[in-house]
Amino acid sequence: MKEIICTCCPKGCRLQVDEMQDYRVTGNGCPNGAVYGRQEATNPVRIVTSTVRIRGGLHPRCPVKTEQAVPKKQVPAVMKALEKVELQAPVSRGQVVLQDICGTGVNLITTRSM
């Protein structure tokens, strides 16, 4: 039995996920918690937010994020890939920086115009 704190809403329900009973979730205060608990126990994913270097901008770093969640086990590889990125200003908010980052099928985008 895994215990997970749900992050779907501010309540922070303490979920119990029973792997032996087809990942049955208990302790959730809403249906979203059941979906979250099952996914977190079987294939956890995360949105990656960070910054990359930019030349010619107001600041030396530009904020970026993945458009969708990537598998948690891929997060270190995604972060490593960001070390090699250097943008040239100007950039627009929502501009694709890297397509299909680390083979995840997810794009990395800017979150600020510079």
C-alpha atoms as a PDB file:
ATOM      1  CA  MET A   1       0.000   0.000   0.000  1.00  0.00           C
ATOM      2  CA  LYS A   2       1.400   3.393  -1.040  1.00  0.00           C
ATOM      3  CA  GLU A   3       0.546   6.609   0.737  1.00  0.00           C
ATOM      4  CA  ILE A   4       0.445   9.744  -1.415  1.00  0.00           C
ATOM      5  CA  ILE A   5      -0.563  13.315  -0.635  1.00  0.00           C
ATOM      6  CA  CYS A   6      -2.865  14.576  -3.365  1.00  0.00           C
ATOM      7  CA  THR A   7      -1.928  17.875  -5.021  1.00  0.00           C
ATOM      8  CA  CYS A   8      -5.073  18.313  -7.141  1.00  0.00           C
ATOM      9  CA  CYS A   9      -6.502  20.953  -4.818  1.00  0.00           C
ATOM     10  CA  PRO A  10      -5.522  22.772  -1.601  1.00  0.00           C
ATOM     11  CA  LYS A  11      -7.126  20.101   0.628  1.00  0.00           C
ATOM     12  CA  GLY A  12      -4.082  17.806   0.350  1.00  0.00           C
ATOM     13  CA  CYS A  13      -5.945  14.533   0.936  1.00  0.00           C
ATOM     14  CA  ARG A  14      -3.882  11.605   2.178  1.00  0.00           C
ATOM     15  CA  LEU A  15      -4.443   8.889  -0.401  1.00  0.00           C
ATOM     16  CA  GLN A  16      -3.867   5.183   0.059  1.00  0.00           C
ATOM     17  CA  VAL A  17      -3.189   3.313  -3.175  1.00  0.00           C
ATOM     18  CA  ASP A  18      -3.493  -0.481  -2.973  1.00  0.00           C
ATOM     19  CA  GLU A  19      -1.346  -2.038  -5.701  1.00  0.00           C
ATOM     20  CA  MET A  20      -2.702  -5.487  -4.878  1.00  0.00           C
ATOM     21  CA  GLN A  21      -6.290  -4.425  -5.689  1.00  0.00           C
ATOM     22  CA  ASP A  22      -5.747  -2.924  -9.148  1.00  0.00           C
ATOM     23  CA  TYR A  23      -4.451   0.370  -7.704  1.00  0.00           C
ATOM     24  CA  ARG A  24      -7.629   1.070  -5.747  1.00  0.00           C
ATOM     25  CA  VAL A  25      -7.500   4.568  -4.220  1.00  0.00           C
ATOM     26  CA  THR A  26      -9.054   5.510  -0.886  1.00  0.00           C
ATOM     27  CA  GLY A  27      -8.871   8.689   1.195  1.00  0.00           C
ATOM     28  CA  ASN A  28      -9.672  11.005  -1.692  1.00  0.00           C
ATOM     29  CA  GLY A  29     -12.136  13.842  -1.177  1.00  0.00           C
ATOM     30  CA  CYS A  30     -13.063  14.082  -4.852  1.00  0.00           C
ATOM     31  CA  PRO A  31     -12.928  12.022  -8.066  1.00  0.00           C
ATOM     32  CA  ASN A  32      -9.810  13.922  -9.205  1.00  0.00           C
ATOM     33  CA  GLY A  33      -7.915  12.487  -6.246  1.00  0.00           C
ATOM     34  CA  ALA A  34      -8.656   8.933  -7.343  1.00  0.00           C
ATOM     35  CA  VAL A  35      -7.316   9.638 -10.841  1.00  0.00           C
ATOM     36  CA  TYR A  36      -4.248  11.407  -9.424  1.00  0.00           C
ATOM     37  CA  GLY A  37      -3.468   8.604  -6.967  1.00  0.00           C
ATOM     38  CA  ARG A  38      -3.689   5.903  -9.623  1.00  0.00           C
ATOM     39  CA  GLN A  39      -1.478   7.839 -12.042  1.00  0.00           C
ATOM     40  CA  GLU A  40       1.061   8.761  -9.365  1.00  0.00           C
ATOM     41  CA  ALA A  41       1.379   5.103  -8.374  1.00  0.00           C
ATOM     42  CA  THR A  42       1.647   3.736 -11.921  1.00  0.00           C
ATOM     43  CA  ASN A  43       3.299   6.442 -14.053  1.00  0.00           C
ATOM     44  CA  PRO A  44       4.107   9.699 -12.236  1.00  0.00           C
ATOM     45  CA  VAL A  45       4.489  12.783 -14.441  1.00  0.00           C
ATOM     46  CA  ARG A  46       5.641  16.357 -13.843  1.00  0.00           C
ATOM     47  CA  ILE A  47       5.579  19.714 -15.624  1.00  0.00           C
ATOM     48  CA  VAL A  48       9.174  20.958 -15.776  1.00  0.00           C
ATOM     49  CA  THR A  49       9.744  24.679 -15.196  1.00  0.00           C
ATOM     50  CA  SER A  50      13.181  26.249 -15.402  1.00  0.00           C
ATOM     51  CA  THR A  51      15.206  28.923 -17.193  1.00  0.00           C
ATOM     52  CA  VAL A  52      17.600  28.937 -20.155  1.00  0.00           C
ATOM     53  CA  ARG A  53      20.313  31.363 -21.231  1.00  0.00           C
ATOM     54  CA  ILE A  54      19.352  34.212 -23.544  1.00  0.00           C
ATOM     55  CA  ARG A  55      21.571  36.712 -25.344  1.00  0.00           C
ATOM     56  CA  GLY A  56      20.395  40.260 -25.986  1.00  0.00           C
ATOM     57  CA  GLY A  57      17.533  40.139 -23.506  1.00  0.00           C
ATOM     58  CA  LEU A  58      16.611  42.317 -20.561  1.00  0.00           C
ATOM     59  CA  HIS A  59      17.723  39.494 -18.264  1.00  0.00           C
ATOM     60  CA  PRO A  60      20.378  36.793 -18.753  1.00  0.00           C
ATOM     61  CA  ARG A  61      17.858  33.924 -18.335  1.00  0.00           C
ATOM     62  CA  CYS A  62      14.468  33.288 -19.920  1.00  0.00           C
ATOM     63  CA  PRO A  63      11.798  31.218 -18.119  1.00  0.00           C
ATOM     64  CA  VAL A  64      10.626  28.045 -19.879  1.00  0.00           C
ATOM     65  CA  LYS A  65       8.369  25.072 -19.174  1.00  0.00           C
ATOM     66  CA  THR A  66       7.202  21.866 -20.784  1.00  0.00           C
ATOM     67  CA  GLU A  67       3.833  22.236 -22.538  1.00  0.00           C
ATOM     68  CA  GLN A  68       2.595  19.078 -20.837  1.00  0.00           C
ATOM     69  CA  ALA A  69       3.771  16.790 -18.090  1.00  0.00           C
ATOM     70  CA  VAL A  70       6.675  14.445 -18.818  1.00  0.00           C
ATOM     71  CA  PRO A  71       7.404  11.122 -17.092  1.00  0.00           C
ATOM     72  CA  LYS A  72       9.076  11.793 -13.750  1.00  0.00           C
ATOM     73  CA  LYS A  73      11.970   9.491 -14.629  1.00  0.00           C
ATOM     74  CA  GLN A  74      12.735  11.735 -17.648  1.00  0.00           C
ATOM     75  CA  VAL A  75      13.022  14.966 -15.607  1.00  0.00           C
ATOM     76  CA  PRO A  76      16.823  14.704 -15.061  1.00  0.00           C
ATOM     77  CA  ALA A  77      17.397  14.208 -18.808  1.00  0.00           C
ATOM     78  CA  VAL A  78      15.140  17.173 -19.606  1.00  0.00           C
ATOM     79  CA  MET A  79      17.052  19.377 -17.166  1.00  0.00           C
ATOM     80  CA  LYS A  80      20.361  18.255 -18.686  1.00  0.00           C
ATOM     81  CA  ALA A  81      19.086  19.192 -22.160  1.00  0.00           C
ATOM     82  CA  LEU A  82      18.291  22.718 -20.923  1.00  0.00           C
ATOM     83  CA  GLU A  83      21.956  23.310 -20.071  1.00  0.00           C
ATOM     84  CA  LYS A  84      22.772  23.364 -23.806  1.00  0.00           C
ATOM     85  CA  VAL A  85      20.045  25.836 -24.796  1.00  0.00           C
ATOM     86  CA  GLU A  86      20.879  29.476 -25.513  1.00  0.00           C
ATOM     87  CA  LEU A  87      18.243  31.729 -27.049  1.00  0.00           C
ATOM     88  CA  GLN A  88      18.717  34.962 -28.948  1.00  0.00           C
ATOM     89  CA  ALA A  89      16.362  37.831 -28.123  1.00  0.00           C
ATOM     90  CA  PRO A  90      13.711  38.673 -29.087  1.00  0.00           C
ATOM     91  CA  VAL A  91      11.549  35.720 -28.077  1.00  0.00           C
ATOM     92  CA  SER A  92       7.776  35.596 -27.649  1.00  0.00           C
ATOM     93  CA  ARG A  93       5.830  34.006 -24.843  1.00  0.00           C
ATOM     94  CA  GLY A  94       4.747  30.514 -25.920  1.00  0.00           C
ATOM     95  CA  GLN A  95       7.531  30.159 -28.483  1.00  0.00           C
ATOM     96  CA  VAL A  96       8.732  26.576 -28.921  1.00  0.00           C
ATOM     97  CA  VAL A  97      12.346  26.260 -27.753  1.00  0.00           C
ATOM     98  CA  LEU A  98      12.784  22.499 -28.169  1.00  0.00           C
ATOM     99  CA  GLN A  99      10.399  20.092 -29.899  1.00  0.00           C
ATOM    100  CA  ASP A 100       9.907  16.577 -28.526  1.00  0.00           C
ATOM    101  CA  ILE A 101      12.364  17.165 -25.697  1.00  0.00           C
ATOM    102  CA  CYS A 102      14.291  13.979 -24.856  1.00  0.00           C
ATOM    103  CA  GLY A 103      11.893  11.893 -26.949  1.00  0.00           C
ATOM    104  CA  THR A 104       8.957  12.594 -24.627  1.00  0.00           C
ATOM    105  CA  GLY A 105       6.717  13.977 -27.365  1.00  0.00           C
ATOM    106  CA  VAL A 106       6.430  17.221 -25.374  1.00  0.00           C
ATOM    107  CA  ASN A 107       7.657  20.660 -26.454  1.00  0.00           C
ATOM    108  CA  LEU A 108       9.584  23.110 -24.290  1.00  0.00           C
ATOM    109  CA  ILE A 109       8.196  26.666 -24.546  1.00  0.00           C
ATOM    110  CA  THR A 110       9.061  30.117 -23.267  1.00  0.00           C
ATOM    111  CA  THR A 111       6.813  31.589 -20.588  1.00  0.00           C
ATOM    112  CA  ARG A 112       7.870  35.220 -21.039  1.00  0.00           C
ATOM    113  CA  SER A 113       8.503  37.526 -23.957  1.00  0.00           C
ATOM    114  CA  MET A 114      11.960  39.091 -23.928  1.00  0.00           C
END
